[in-house]
Amino acid sequence: MHGAKIRSACLEDAARICKIYNYYVQNTSISFEEEPVGDDEMARRIEAITLHYPWIVYESEGSILGYAYASRWKDRSAYRFVAETTIYVSADHLGEGIGTALMGELLRRLGELKLHANLAFARWYCPL
């Protein structure tokens, strides 16, 4: 996409991330949340996760079209080298390679953290 870039998420992105995420909360079962998430809660999540793991956004012409992040898999010490990965792409931009671009950059950044495994669980949304 013209003018697209992947960058680290910041707290000011919370509202735009909520717009993407809450579409899936309200219209699908892939998020496992039942109520939309507020901007303040999303900002809290971004702040907590970015203390230890990357959270990135795909931005094009000033709009966030997708995001990805990693988080701790489990609390036991032996899992400290394992992360769970999450990606959401705006429903209006599915099939444009945004998810692939985000995953590539997320895995690159996770490689710098010297993690041993990154887990992703396929919960696909395919509009008919």
N, C-alpha and C. Protein backbone atom coordinates (compact mmCIF):
# COMPACT_ATOMS: atom_id res chain seq x y z
N MET A 1 0.83 -1.19 0.00
CA MET A 1 0.00 0.00 0.00
C MET A 1 0.87 1.25 0.00
N HIS A 2 0.45 2.23 -0.72
CA HIS A 2 1.21 3.47 -0.83
C HIS A 2 1.24 4.19 0.52
N GLY A 3 2.43 4.56 0.94
CA GLY A 3 2.59 5.31 2.18
C GLY A 3 2.37 4.50 3.45
N ALA A 4 2.39 3.18 3.32
CA ALA A 4 2.15 2.34 4.50
C ALA A 4 3.44 2.14 5.28
N LYS A 5 3.28 2.03 6.60
CA LYS A 5 4.43 1.73 7.44
C LYS A 5 3.95 0.93 8.64
N ILE A 6 4.86 0.19 9.21
CA ILE A 6 4.62 -0.53 10.45
C ILE A 6 5.46 0.14 11.51
N ARG A 7 4.82 0.48 12.61
CA ARG A 7 5.52 1.17 13.69
C ARG A 7 5.03 0.64 15.03
N SER A 8 5.75 0.97 16.07
CA SER A 8 5.33 0.60 17.42
C SER A 8 4.05 1.35 17.79
N ALA A 9 3.16 0.65 18.47
CA ALA A 9 1.92 1.28 18.93
C ALA A 9 2.23 2.22 20.08
N CYS A 10 1.38 3.24 20.24
CA CYS A 10 1.48 4.15 21.37
C CYS A 10 0.09 4.28 22.00
N LEU A 11 0.04 4.84 23.17
CA LEU A 11 -1.23 4.94 23.90
C LEU A 11 -2.27 5.73 23.10
N GLU A 12 -1.82 6.68 22.31
CA GLU A 12 -2.74 7.49 21.51
C GLU A 12 -3.43 6.68 20.41
N ASP A 13 -2.95 5.48 20.14
CA ASP A 13 -3.56 4.61 19.13
C ASP A 13 -4.75 3.81 19.67
N ALA A 14 -4.98 3.87 20.96
CA ALA A 14 -5.98 3.01 21.59
C ALA A 14 -7.36 3.11 20.94
N ALA A 15 -7.84 4.29 20.65
CA ALA A 15 -9.18 4.44 20.07
C ALA A 15 -9.26 3.80 18.69
N ARG A 16 -8.22 3.98 17.89
CA ARG A 16 -8.24 3.40 16.54
C ARG A 16 -8.09 1.88 16.61
N ILE A 17 -7.33 1.38 17.57
CA ILE A 17 -7.21 -0.06 17.76
C ILE A 17 -8.54 -0.63 18.23
N CYS A 18 -9.21 0.08 19.12
CA CYS A 18 -10.54 -0.36 19.60
C CYS A 18 -11.53 -0.49 18.45
N LYS A 19 -11.49 0.43 17.53
CA LYS A 19 -12.41 0.38 16.39
C LYS A 19 -12.24 -0.93 15.61
N ILE A 20 -11.00 -1.31 15.37
CA ILE A 20 -10.73 -2.58 14.68
C ILE A 20 -11.17 -3.74 15.54
N TYR A 21 -10.72 -3.77 16.78
CA TYR A 21 -10.97 -4.91 17.67
C TYR A 21 -12.46 -5.08 17.96
N ASN A 22 -13.13 -4.00 18.28
CA ASN A 22 -14.53 -4.11 18.68
C ASN A 22 -15.44 -4.59 17.55
N TYR A 23 -15.03 -4.38 16.31
CA TYR A 23 -15.79 -4.97 15.20
C TYR A 23 -15.86 -6.49 15.39
N TYR A 24 -14.73 -7.10 15.70
CA TYR A 24 -14.68 -8.55 15.87
C TYR A 24 -15.40 -9.01 17.13
N VAL A 25 -15.33 -8.22 18.19
CA VAL A 25 -16.05 -8.54 19.42
C VAL A 25 -17.55 -8.56 19.15
N GLN A 26 -18.04 -7.58 18.41
CA GLN A 26 -19.47 -7.43 18.20
C GLN A 26 -20.03 -8.30 17.07
N ASN A 27 -19.19 -8.72 16.13
CA ASN A 27 -19.70 -9.40 14.94
C ASN A 27 -19.20 -10.82 14.72
N THR A 28 -18.26 -11.27 15.56
CA THR A 28 -17.72 -12.62 15.41
C THR A 28 -17.52 -13.23 16.80
N SER A 29 -17.05 -14.46 16.81
CA SER A 29 -16.73 -15.11 18.09
C SER A 29 -15.23 -15.34 18.25
N ILE A 30 -14.41 -14.72 17.42
CA ILE A 30 -12.98 -15.04 17.45
C ILE A 30 -12.21 -14.40 18.60
N SER A 31 -12.72 -13.33 19.19
CA SER A 31 -11.95 -12.66 20.24
C SER A 31 -12.16 -13.25 21.62
N PHE A 32 -13.22 -13.97 21.82
CA PHE A 32 -13.61 -14.55 23.11
C PHE A 32 -14.00 -13.48 24.14
N GLU A 33 -14.15 -12.25 23.72
CA GLU A 33 -14.72 -11.22 24.58
C GLU A 33 -16.16 -11.03 24.14
N GLU A 34 -17.02 -10.66 25.08
CA GLU A 34 -18.44 -10.52 24.76
C GLU A 34 -18.91 -9.08 24.75
N GLU A 35 -18.11 -8.18 25.30
CA GLU A 35 -18.48 -6.77 25.36
C GLU A 35 -17.37 -5.94 24.71
N PRO A 36 -17.73 -4.88 24.01
CA PRO A 36 -16.71 -4.01 23.41
C PRO A 36 -15.76 -3.47 24.47
N VAL A 37 -14.53 -3.24 24.06
CA VAL A 37 -13.50 -2.72 24.95
C VAL A 37 -13.43 -1.20 24.78
N GLY A 38 -13.35 -0.50 25.89
CA GLY A 38 -13.25 0.96 25.86
C GLY A 38 -11.82 1.43 25.59
N ASP A 39 -11.71 2.67 25.15
CA ASP A 39 -10.40 3.24 24.83
C ASP A 39 -9.44 3.20 26.01
N ASP A 40 -9.92 3.50 27.20
CA ASP A 40 -9.05 3.49 28.39
C ASP A 40 -8.53 2.10 28.69
N GLU A 41 -9.38 1.10 28.56
CA GLU A 41 -8.96 -0.28 28.80
C GLU A 41 -7.93 -0.71 27.75
N MET A 42 -8.16 -0.34 26.49
CA MET A 42 -7.20 -0.70 25.46
C MET A 42 -5.86 -0.02 25.71
N ALA A 43 -5.88 1.23 26.13
CA ALA A 43 -4.64 1.94 26.46
C ALA A 43 -3.92 1.24 27.60
N ARG A 44 -4.67 0.76 28.59
CA ARG A 44 -4.08 0.02 29.71
C ARG A 44 -3.41 -1.25 29.20
N ARG A 45 -4.07 -1.95 28.27
CA ARG A 45 -3.50 -3.17 27.71
C ARG A 45 -2.22 -2.87 26.93
N ILE A 46 -2.25 -1.85 26.12
CA ILE A 46 -1.06 -1.47 25.35
C ILE A 46 0.10 -1.16 26.29
N GLU A 47 -0.19 -0.38 27.32
CA GLU A 47 0.85 0.00 28.28
C GLU A 47 1.44 -1.22 28.98
N ALA A 48 0.59 -2.14 29.42
CA ALA A 48 1.05 -3.33 30.14
C ALA A 48 1.86 -4.25 29.23
N ILE A 49 1.39 -4.49 28.04
CA ILE A 49 2.06 -5.42 27.14
C ILE A 49 3.39 -4.86 26.66
N THR A 50 3.43 -3.58 26.34
CA THR A 50 4.67 -3.02 25.78
C THR A 50 5.79 -2.86 26.80
N LEU A 51 5.52 -3.16 28.04
CA LEU A 51 6.62 -3.20 29.02
C LEU A 51 7.59 -4.33 28.69
N HIS A 52 7.08 -5.41 28.06
CA HIS A 52 7.90 -6.59 27.83
C HIS A 52 7.89 -7.10 26.39
N TYR A 53 6.87 -6.77 25.65
CA TYR A 53 6.69 -7.34 24.31
C TYR A 53 6.34 -6.24 23.30
N PRO A 54 6.56 -6.52 22.02
CA PRO A 54 6.18 -5.53 21.00
C PRO A 54 4.68 -5.50 20.73
N TRP A 55 4.18 -4.33 20.45
CA TRP A 55 2.82 -4.11 19.94
C TRP A 55 3.01 -3.15 18.77
N ILE A 56 2.63 -3.58 17.59
CA ILE A 56 2.88 -2.79 16.39
C ILE A 56 1.57 -2.51 15.66
N VAL A 57 1.58 -1.46 14.87
CA VAL A 57 0.41 -1.11 14.05
C VAL A 57 0.85 -0.95 12.60
N TYR A 58 -0.08 -1.25 11.71
CA TYR A 58 0.10 -1.03 10.28
C TYR A 58 -0.68 0.23 9.95
N GLU A 59 0.04 1.24 9.53
CA GLU A 59 -0.57 2.55 9.30
C GLU A 59 -0.40 2.93 7.84
N SER A 60 -1.47 3.41 7.23
CA SER A 60 -1.44 3.89 5.86
C SER A 60 -2.21 5.19 5.76
N GLU A 61 -1.55 6.21 5.27
CA GLU A 61 -2.16 7.53 5.09
C GLU A 61 -2.87 8.01 6.37
N GLY A 62 -2.21 7.78 7.50
CA GLY A 62 -2.72 8.25 8.78
C GLY A 62 -3.76 7.37 9.43
N SER A 63 -4.14 6.27 8.79
CA SER A 63 -5.15 5.36 9.36
C SER A 63 -4.48 4.06 9.78
N ILE A 64 -4.88 3.55 10.94
CA ILE A 64 -4.40 2.25 11.38
C ILE A 64 -5.32 1.20 10.77
N LEU A 65 -4.72 0.29 9.99
CA LEU A 65 -5.49 -0.73 9.28
C LEU A 65 -5.34 -2.10 9.92
N GLY A 66 -4.45 -2.22 10.88
CA GLY A 66 -4.26 -3.49 11.57
C GLY A 66 -3.24 -3.33 12.67
N TYR A 67 -3.18 -4.33 13.52
CA TYR A 67 -2.21 -4.31 14.61
C TYR A 67 -1.85 -5.73 15.01
N ALA A 68 -0.73 -5.85 15.67
CA ALA A 68 -0.27 -7.15 16.16
C ALA A 68 0.53 -6.94 17.43
N TYR A 69 0.48 -7.94 18.28
CA TYR A 69 1.29 -7.86 19.49
C TYR A 69 1.59 -9.26 19.99
N ALA A 70 2.52 -9.34 20.90
CA ALA A 70 2.84 -10.59 21.57
C ALA A 70 2.59 -10.39 23.05
N SER A 71 2.29 -11.48 23.71
CA SER A 71 2.07 -11.41 25.16
C SER A 71 2.57 -12.70 25.80
N ARG A 72 2.70 -12.65 27.08
CA ARG A 72 3.18 -13.81 27.82
C ARG A 72 2.22 -14.97 27.64
N TRP A 73 2.76 -16.16 27.41
CA TRP A 73 1.93 -17.33 27.18
C TRP A 73 1.36 -17.85 28.50
N LYS A 74 2.19 -18.14 29.46
CA LYS A 74 1.73 -18.63 30.77
C LYS A 74 2.66 -18.08 31.84
N ASP A 75 2.20 -18.16 33.08
CA ASP A 75 2.95 -17.57 34.19
C ASP A 75 4.13 -18.40 34.68
N ARG A 76 4.14 -19.70 34.49
CA ARG A 76 5.23 -20.52 35.00
C ARG A 76 6.56 -20.09 34.39
N SER A 77 7.59 -20.14 35.20
CA SER A 77 8.92 -19.68 34.80
C SER A 77 9.41 -20.33 33.51
N ALA A 78 9.16 -21.60 33.33
CA ALA A 78 9.65 -22.31 32.15
C ALA A 78 9.07 -21.74 30.85
N TYR A 79 7.96 -21.02 30.93
CA TYR A 79 7.34 -20.43 29.75
C TYR A 79 7.85 -19.02 29.44
N ARG A 80 8.86 -18.56 30.15
CA ARG A 80 9.32 -17.18 29.97
C ARG A 80 9.91 -16.92 28.58
N PHE A 81 10.23 -17.97 27.85
CA PHE A 81 10.76 -17.82 26.50
C PHE A 81 9.72 -18.13 25.43
N VAL A 82 8.45 -18.11 25.82
CA VAL A 82 7.35 -18.40 24.90
C VAL A 82 6.39 -17.21 24.91
N ALA A 83 5.94 -16.83 23.73
CA ALA A 83 4.97 -15.73 23.63
C ALA A 83 3.80 -16.18 22.75
N GLU A 84 2.65 -15.60 23.02
CA GLU A 84 1.48 -15.78 22.17
C GLU A 84 1.37 -14.57 21.27
N THR A 85 1.11 -14.78 20.00
CA THR A 85 0.98 -13.68 19.06
C THR A 85 -0.49 -13.45 18.69
N THR A 86 -0.83 -12.19 18.47
CA THR A 86 -2.20 -11.80 18.13
C THR A 86 -2.14 -10.79 17.00
N ILE A 87 -3.02 -10.96 16.01
CA ILE A 87 -3.10 -10.02 14.90
C ILE A 87 -4.57 -9.75 14.60
N TYR A 88 -4.90 -8.48 14.40
CA TYR A 88 -6.22 -8.07 13.93
C TYR A 88 -6.04 -7.09 12.78
N VAL A 89 -6.83 -7.28 11.73
CA VAL A 89 -6.81 -6.40 10.57
C VAL A 89 -8.21 -5.85 10.39
N SER A 90 -8.30 -4.58 10.05
CA SER A 90 -9.59 -3.96 9.79
C SER A 90 -10.39 -4.81 8.81
N ALA A 91 -11.66 -5.05 9.12
CA ALA A 91 -12.51 -5.87 8.26
C ALA A 91 -12.62 -5.30 6.86
N ASP A 92 -12.41 -4.01 6.70
CA ASP A 92 -12.46 -3.37 5.39
C ASP A 92 -11.20 -3.59 4.56
N HIS A 93 -10.17 -4.20 5.17
CA HIS A 93 -8.89 -4.34 4.48
C HIS A 93 -8.36 -5.77 4.53
N LEU A 94 -9.25 -6.74 4.69
CA LEU A 94 -8.83 -8.14 4.69
C LEU A 94 -8.36 -8.52 3.29
N GLY A 95 -7.40 -9.42 3.22
CA GLY A 95 -6.92 -9.91 1.94
C GLY A 95 -5.95 -9.00 1.22
N GLU A 96 -5.45 -7.99 1.90
CA GLU A 96 -4.52 -7.04 1.28
C GLU A 96 -3.07 -7.26 1.68
N GLY A 97 -2.80 -8.31 2.43
CA GLY A 97 -1.43 -8.61 2.85
C GLY A 97 -1.00 -7.91 4.13
N ILE A 98 -1.93 -7.23 4.78
CA ILE A 98 -1.59 -6.50 6.00
C ILE A 98 -1.21 -7.45 7.12
N GLY A 99 -1.98 -8.52 7.29
CA GLY A 99 -1.68 -9.50 8.34
C GLY A 99 -0.33 -10.16 8.12
N THR A 100 -0.01 -10.47 6.88
CA THR A 100 1.29 -11.07 6.56
C THR A 100 2.42 -10.11 6.90
N ALA A 101 2.26 -8.86 6.53
CA ALA A 101 3.28 -7.85 6.83
C ALA A 101 3.46 -7.68 8.34
N LEU A 102 2.35 -7.64 9.06
CA LEU A 102 2.42 -7.49 10.51
C LEU A 102 3.10 -8.70 11.16
N MET A 103 2.75 -9.90 10.72
CA MET A 103 3.35 -11.10 11.32
C MET A 103 4.85 -11.14 11.06
N GLY A 104 5.27 -10.79 9.85
CA GLY A 104 6.69 -10.77 9.55
C GLY A 104 7.46 -9.83 10.45
N GLU A 105 6.93 -8.63 10.63
CA GLU A 105 7.60 -7.65 11.49
C GLU A 105 7.54 -8.07 12.96
N LEU A 106 6.41 -8.61 13.39
CA LEU A 106 6.30 -9.06 14.78
C LEU A 106 7.31 -10.16 15.06
N LEU A 107 7.42 -11.13 14.17
CA LEU A 107 8.39 -12.22 14.37
C LEU A 107 9.82 -11.71 14.36
N ARG A 108 10.11 -10.72 13.52
CA ARG A 108 11.45 -10.12 13.51
C ARG A 108 11.77 -9.51 14.87
N ARG A 109 10.81 -8.76 15.41
CA ARG A 109 11.02 -8.12 16.71
C ARG A 109 11.10 -9.14 17.84
N LEU A 110 10.30 -10.18 17.76
CA LEU A 110 10.36 -11.22 18.79
C LEU A 110 11.69 -11.97 18.73
N GLY A 111 12.24 -12.11 17.55
CA GLY A 111 13.56 -12.75 17.42
C GLY A 111 14.62 -12.00 18.18
N GLU A 112 14.51 -10.70 18.24
CA GLU A 112 15.46 -9.89 19.00
C GLU A 112 15.35 -10.14 20.51
N LEU A 113 14.19 -10.63 20.95
CA LEU A 113 14.00 -10.93 22.38
C LEU A 113 14.49 -12.32 22.75
N LYS A 114 14.95 -13.07 21.76
CA LYS A 114 15.51 -14.41 21.95
C LYS A 114 14.49 -15.38 22.57
N LEU A 115 13.26 -15.26 22.12
CA LEU A 115 12.24 -16.22 22.56
C LEU A 115 12.45 -17.54 21.83
N HIS A 116 12.04 -18.63 22.47
CA HIS A 116 12.21 -19.96 21.87
C HIS A 116 11.01 -20.38 21.05
N ALA A 117 9.84 -19.85 21.36
CA ALA A 117 8.62 -20.24 20.64
C ALA A 117 7.62 -19.09 20.65
N ASN A 118 6.91 -18.98 19.55
CA ASN A 118 5.82 -18.01 19.43
C ASN A 118 4.59 -18.79 19.01
N LEU A 119 3.54 -18.67 19.77
CA LEU A 119 2.32 -19.42 19.51
C LEU A 119 1.26 -18.52 18.89
N ALA A 120 0.58 -19.06 17.92
CA ALA A 120 -0.55 -18.36 17.31
C ALA A 120 -1.69 -19.36 17.19
N PHE A 121 -2.86 -18.96 17.56
CA PHE A 121 -4.03 -19.82 17.47
C PHE A 121 -4.92 -19.28 16.36
N ALA A 122 -5.22 -20.12 15.42
CA ALA A 122 -6.01 -19.68 14.26
C ALA A 122 -7.46 -19.54 14.64
N ARG A 123 -7.92 -18.30 14.64
CA ARG A 123 -9.34 -17.99 14.83
C ARG A 123 -9.67 -17.04 13.70
N TRP A 124 -9.91 -17.59 12.55
CA TRP A 124 -10.07 -16.79 11.34
C TRP A 124 -11.47 -16.25 11.20
N TYR A 125 -11.54 -15.10 10.60
CA TYR A 125 -12.82 -14.50 10.24
C TYR A 125 -12.83 -14.37 8.73
N CYS A 126 -13.77 -14.99 8.09
CA CYS A 126 -13.90 -14.89 6.63
C CYS A 126 -15.30 -14.42 6.31
N PRO A 127 -15.46 -13.15 5.94
CA PRO A 127 -16.80 -12.67 5.59
C PRO A 127 -17.29 -13.35 4.33
N LEU A 128 -18.56 -13.64 4.31
CA LEU A 128 -19.14 -14.30 3.12
C LEU A 128 -19.49 -13.30 2.05
